[in-house]
Amino acid sequence: KKIELIYDARGTVSRLKVNDKLLDFKLDEFGRLAQVALPDNKGKLNIKYNNAGDVDSTEGVGGENVRTVIQESLSHASELVDPLGISLGV
């Protein structure tokens, strides 16, 4: 499977595309991953941090769908590609 990284205007990875599956990322004010979402409201996983900056909890509507897509997509990855089409290896 080929994984494509899609960046926003600030140069931050905002989306991960694995074949036909997409995962959208949102960061918090500290630049940490705050949300992973599937398109079309099929699932959303919110990530909360404690004062030390460690993940404290994850929750969301359809969060199990997001976890499944992440696991299935990344466990069989064979190629990681940046927006310029350059293979970054796996």
N, C-alpha and C. Protein backbone atom coordinates (compact mmCIF):
# COMPACT_ATOMS: atom_id res chain seq x y z
N LYS A 1 0.84 -1.19 0.00
CA LYS A 1 0.00 0.00 0.00
C LYS A 1 0.88 1.24 0.00
N LYS A 2 0.44 2.24 -0.70
CA LYS A 2 1.16 3.50 -0.79
C LYS A 2 0.50 4.52 0.13
N ILE A 3 1.30 5.18 0.96
CA ILE A 3 0.81 6.21 1.87
C ILE A 3 1.27 7.56 1.34
N GLU A 4 0.33 8.49 1.13
CA GLU A 4 0.67 9.83 0.69
C GLU A 4 0.46 10.81 1.83
N LEU A 5 1.43 11.68 2.05
CA LEU A 5 1.32 12.74 3.04
C LEU A 5 0.89 14.01 2.34
N ILE A 6 -0.13 14.68 2.87
CA ILE A 6 -0.63 15.92 2.29
C ILE A 6 -0.45 17.01 3.33
N TYR A 7 0.20 18.11 2.93
CA TYR A 7 0.55 19.18 3.85
C TYR A 7 -0.36 20.40 3.67
N ASP A 8 -0.53 21.17 4.76
CA ASP A 8 -1.26 22.42 4.68
C ASP A 8 -0.29 23.55 4.32
N ALA A 9 -0.78 24.78 4.28
CA ALA A 9 0.05 25.92 3.88
C ALA A 9 1.21 26.18 4.84
N ARG A 10 1.10 25.72 6.09
CA ARG A 10 2.17 25.91 7.08
C ARG A 10 3.23 24.81 7.02
N GLY A 11 3.02 23.83 6.16
CA GLY A 11 3.98 22.73 6.04
C GLY A 11 3.75 21.60 7.02
N THR A 12 2.57 21.56 7.59
CA THR A 12 2.21 20.53 8.55
C THR A 12 1.39 19.45 7.86
N VAL A 13 1.63 18.20 8.18
CA VAL A 13 0.83 17.12 7.59
C VAL A 13 -0.62 17.30 8.05
N SER A 14 -1.51 17.48 7.09
CA SER A 14 -2.92 17.69 7.41
C SER A 14 -3.80 16.52 6.99
N ARG A 15 -3.25 15.66 6.14
CA ARG A 15 -4.04 14.54 5.65
C ARG A 15 -3.10 13.40 5.29
N LEU A 16 -3.59 12.21 5.50
CA LEU A 16 -2.86 10.99 5.15
C LEU A 16 -3.77 10.22 4.21
N LYS A 17 -3.25 9.85 3.06
CA LYS A 17 -4.03 9.10 2.08
C LYS A 17 -3.38 7.74 1.90
N VAL A 18 -4.15 6.70 2.15
CA VAL A 18 -3.68 5.33 1.97
C VAL A 18 -4.63 4.67 0.98
N ASN A 19 -4.12 4.50 -0.24
CA ASN A 19 -4.95 4.00 -1.34
C ASN A 19 -6.23 4.82 -1.42
N ASP A 20 -7.38 4.28 -1.09
CA ASP A 20 -8.64 5.02 -1.21
C ASP A 20 -9.13 5.58 0.12
N LYS A 21 -8.37 5.43 1.18
CA LYS A 21 -8.78 5.90 2.51
C LYS A 21 -8.05 7.19 2.87
N LEU A 22 -8.80 8.11 3.49
CA LEU A 22 -8.23 9.39 3.91
C LEU A 22 -8.36 9.55 5.42
N LEU A 23 -7.37 10.16 6.04
CA LEU A 23 -7.42 10.54 7.45
C LEU A 23 -7.01 12.00 7.52
N ASP A 24 -7.86 12.83 8.12
CA ASP A 24 -7.57 14.25 8.30
C ASP A 24 -7.05 14.50 9.70
N PHE A 25 -6.04 15.36 9.82
CA PHE A 25 -5.42 15.67 11.11
C PHE A 25 -5.64 17.12 11.48
N LYS A 26 -5.88 17.37 12.76
CA LYS A 26 -5.94 18.73 13.29
C LYS A 26 -5.01 18.79 14.49
N LEU A 27 -4.29 19.91 14.60
CA LEU A 27 -3.36 20.10 15.70
C LEU A 27 -3.93 21.09 16.71
N ASP A 28 -3.46 20.99 17.95
CA ASP A 28 -3.86 21.97 18.96
C ASP A 28 -2.91 23.16 18.92
N GLU A 29 -3.10 24.10 19.83
CA GLU A 29 -2.29 25.32 19.83
C GLU A 29 -0.80 25.07 20.13
N PHE A 30 -0.47 23.87 20.62
CA PHE A 30 0.91 23.52 20.91
C PHE A 30 1.54 22.68 19.79
N GLY A 31 0.79 22.47 18.71
CA GLY A 31 1.30 21.70 17.59
C GLY A 31 1.19 20.20 17.75
N ARG A 32 0.43 19.77 18.77
CA ARG A 32 0.24 18.32 18.99
C ARG A 32 -1.00 17.85 18.24
N LEU A 33 -1.00 16.60 17.88
CA LEU A 33 -2.15 16.01 17.21
C LEU A 33 -3.36 16.05 18.15
N ALA A 34 -4.42 16.73 17.74
CA ALA A 34 -5.60 16.89 18.58
C ALA A 34 -6.80 16.11 18.06
N GLN A 35 -6.78 15.82 16.75
CA GLN A 35 -7.93 15.11 16.18
C GLN A 35 -7.52 14.37 14.92
N VAL A 36 -8.05 13.17 14.77
CA VAL A 36 -7.93 12.39 13.54
C VAL A 36 -9.35 12.10 13.11
N ALA A 37 -9.67 12.42 11.86
CA ALA A 37 -11.05 12.25 11.40
C ALA A 37 -11.10 11.58 10.04
N LEU A 38 -12.16 10.84 9.84
CA LEU A 38 -12.47 10.27 8.53
C LEU A 38 -13.35 11.27 7.79
N PRO A 39 -13.23 11.38 6.49
CA PRO A 39 -14.08 12.29 5.73
C PRO A 39 -15.56 11.92 5.85
N ASP A 40 -16.40 12.88 5.55
CA ASP A 40 -17.86 12.68 5.52
C ASP A 40 -18.44 12.27 6.88
N ASN A 41 -17.83 12.75 7.96
CA ASN A 41 -18.33 12.48 9.32
C ASN A 41 -18.49 11.00 9.63
N LYS A 42 -17.62 10.17 9.09
CA LYS A 42 -17.71 8.73 9.34
C LYS A 42 -17.02 8.33 10.64
N GLY A 43 -16.27 9.25 11.22
CA GLY A 43 -15.60 8.97 12.47
C GLY A 43 -14.65 10.07 12.84
N LYS A 44 -14.50 10.31 14.14
CA LYS A 44 -13.64 11.37 14.62
C LYS A 44 -13.05 10.92 15.95
N LEU A 45 -11.75 11.05 16.10
CA LEU A 45 -11.08 10.67 17.33
C LEU A 45 -10.37 11.91 17.87
N ASN A 46 -10.81 12.38 19.04
CA ASN A 46 -10.20 13.55 19.69
C ASN A 46 -9.19 13.08 20.71
N ILE A 47 -8.07 13.76 20.75
CA ILE A 47 -6.98 13.38 21.65
C ILE A 47 -6.78 14.49 22.68
N LYS A 48 -6.82 14.13 23.95
CA LYS A 48 -6.64 15.08 25.06
C LYS A 48 -5.30 14.81 25.73
N TYR A 49 -4.65 15.86 26.18
CA TYR A 49 -3.35 15.77 26.83
C TYR A 49 -3.42 16.26 28.27
N ASN A 50 -2.56 15.71 29.13
CA ASN A 50 -2.47 16.20 30.50
C ASN A 50 -1.46 17.35 30.55
N ASN A 51 -1.24 17.91 31.73
CA ASN A 51 -0.34 19.06 31.88
C ASN A 51 1.10 18.74 31.53
N ALA A 52 1.49 17.48 31.60
CA ALA A 52 2.85 17.07 31.25
C ALA A 52 3.02 16.89 29.74
N GLY A 53 1.91 16.98 28.99
CA GLY A 53 1.96 16.82 27.54
C GLY A 53 1.79 15.40 27.06
N ASP A 54 1.46 14.49 27.98
CA ASP A 54 1.23 13.10 27.61
C ASP A 54 -0.24 12.90 27.23
N VAL A 55 -0.51 11.95 26.35
CA VAL A 55 -1.90 11.65 25.99
C VAL A 55 -2.63 11.19 27.23
N ASP A 56 -3.72 11.87 27.52
CA ASP A 56 -4.52 11.56 28.70
C ASP A 56 -5.72 10.69 28.34
N SER A 57 -6.35 11.01 27.19
CA SER A 57 -7.51 10.22 26.77
C SER A 57 -7.78 10.43 25.28
N THR A 58 -8.52 9.50 24.72
CA THR A 58 -9.02 9.63 23.35
C THR A 58 -10.50 9.32 23.38
N GLU A 59 -11.25 10.09 22.64
CA GLU A 59 -12.69 9.88 22.58
C GLU A 59 -13.23 10.47 21.30
N GLY A 60 -14.41 10.08 20.93
CA GLY A 60 -15.03 10.65 19.75
C GLY A 60 -16.12 9.77 19.18
N VAL A 61 -16.88 10.35 18.31
CA VAL A 61 -17.95 9.63 17.62
C VAL A 61 -17.33 8.83 16.50
N GLY A 62 -17.57 7.54 16.51
CA GLY A 62 -16.99 6.69 15.48
C GLY A 62 -15.50 6.51 15.63
N GLY A 63 -14.97 6.77 16.83
CA GLY A 63 -13.54 6.66 17.07
C GLY A 63 -12.99 5.28 16.76
N GLU A 64 -13.81 4.27 16.98
CA GLU A 64 -13.35 2.90 16.69
C GLU A 64 -13.15 2.73 15.18
N ASN A 65 -13.98 3.40 14.37
CA ASN A 65 -13.79 3.36 12.91
C ASN A 65 -12.45 3.96 12.54
N VAL A 66 -12.08 5.07 13.20
CA VAL A 66 -10.81 5.73 12.92
C VAL A 66 -9.66 4.80 13.30
N ARG A 67 -9.74 4.21 14.47
CA ARG A 67 -8.69 3.30 14.92
C ARG A 67 -8.51 2.14 13.94
N THR A 68 -9.62 1.61 13.45
CA THR A 68 -9.58 0.49 12.50
C THR A 68 -8.89 0.91 11.21
N VAL A 69 -9.25 2.07 10.68
CA VAL A 69 -8.64 2.55 9.43
C VAL A 69 -7.15 2.76 9.63
N ILE A 70 -6.75 3.35 10.76
CA ILE A 70 -5.33 3.57 11.03
C ILE A 70 -4.59 2.23 11.07
N GLN A 71 -5.13 1.31 11.81
CA GLN A 71 -4.47 0.01 11.96
C GLN A 71 -4.38 -0.73 10.63
N GLU A 72 -5.49 -0.80 9.90
CA GLU A 72 -5.49 -1.53 8.63
C GLU A 72 -4.60 -0.85 7.60
N SER A 73 -4.62 0.46 7.57
CA SER A 73 -3.85 1.20 6.57
C SER A 73 -2.37 1.12 6.81
N LEU A 74 -1.95 1.36 8.03
CA LEU A 74 -0.53 1.45 8.31
C LEU A 74 0.14 0.09 8.47
N SER A 75 -0.62 -0.92 8.84
CA SER A 75 0.00 -2.21 9.08
C SER A 75 0.48 -2.90 7.80
N HIS A 76 -0.04 -2.48 6.66
CA HIS A 76 0.35 -3.10 5.40
C HIS A 76 1.01 -2.11 4.46
N ALA A 77 1.57 -1.04 5.00
CA ALA A 77 2.19 -0.01 4.17
C ALA A 77 3.46 -0.55 3.52
N SER A 78 3.63 -0.20 2.26
CA SER A 78 4.84 -0.61 1.56
C SER A 78 5.61 0.59 1.03
N GLU A 79 4.96 1.77 0.99
CA GLU A 79 5.63 2.95 0.45
C GLU A 79 5.05 4.21 1.07
N LEU A 80 5.91 5.14 1.47
CA LEU A 80 5.51 6.43 2.01
C LEU A 80 5.96 7.49 1.02
N VAL A 81 5.00 8.31 0.53
CA VAL A 81 5.29 9.26 -0.55
C VAL A 81 4.91 10.67 -0.12
N ASP A 82 5.82 11.64 -0.36
CA ASP A 82 5.51 13.04 -0.04
C ASP A 82 4.74 13.66 -1.21
N PRO A 83 4.27 14.92 -1.06
CA PRO A 83 3.46 15.54 -2.12
C PRO A 83 4.17 15.71 -3.45
N LEU A 84 5.50 15.69 -3.45
CA LEU A 84 6.24 15.80 -4.70
C LEU A 84 6.43 14.45 -5.39
N GLY A 85 5.89 13.41 -4.77
CA GLY A 85 6.01 12.08 -5.35
C GLY A 85 7.28 11.35 -4.98
N ILE A 86 8.02 11.90 -4.01
CA ILE A 86 9.28 11.29 -3.60
C ILE A 86 9.01 10.22 -2.55
N SER A 87 9.51 9.03 -2.78
CA SER A 87 9.32 7.94 -1.85
C SER A 87 10.23 8.15 -0.63
N LEU A 88 9.63 8.08 0.57
CA LEU A 88 10.37 8.29 1.80
C LEU A 88 10.72 6.98 2.49
N GLY A 89 10.36 5.86 1.88
CA GLY A 89 10.62 4.56 2.48
C GLY A 89 9.63 4.25 3.57
N VAL A 90 9.68 3.04 4.09
CA VAL A 90 8.78 2.63 5.18
C VAL A 90 9.58 1.92 6.23
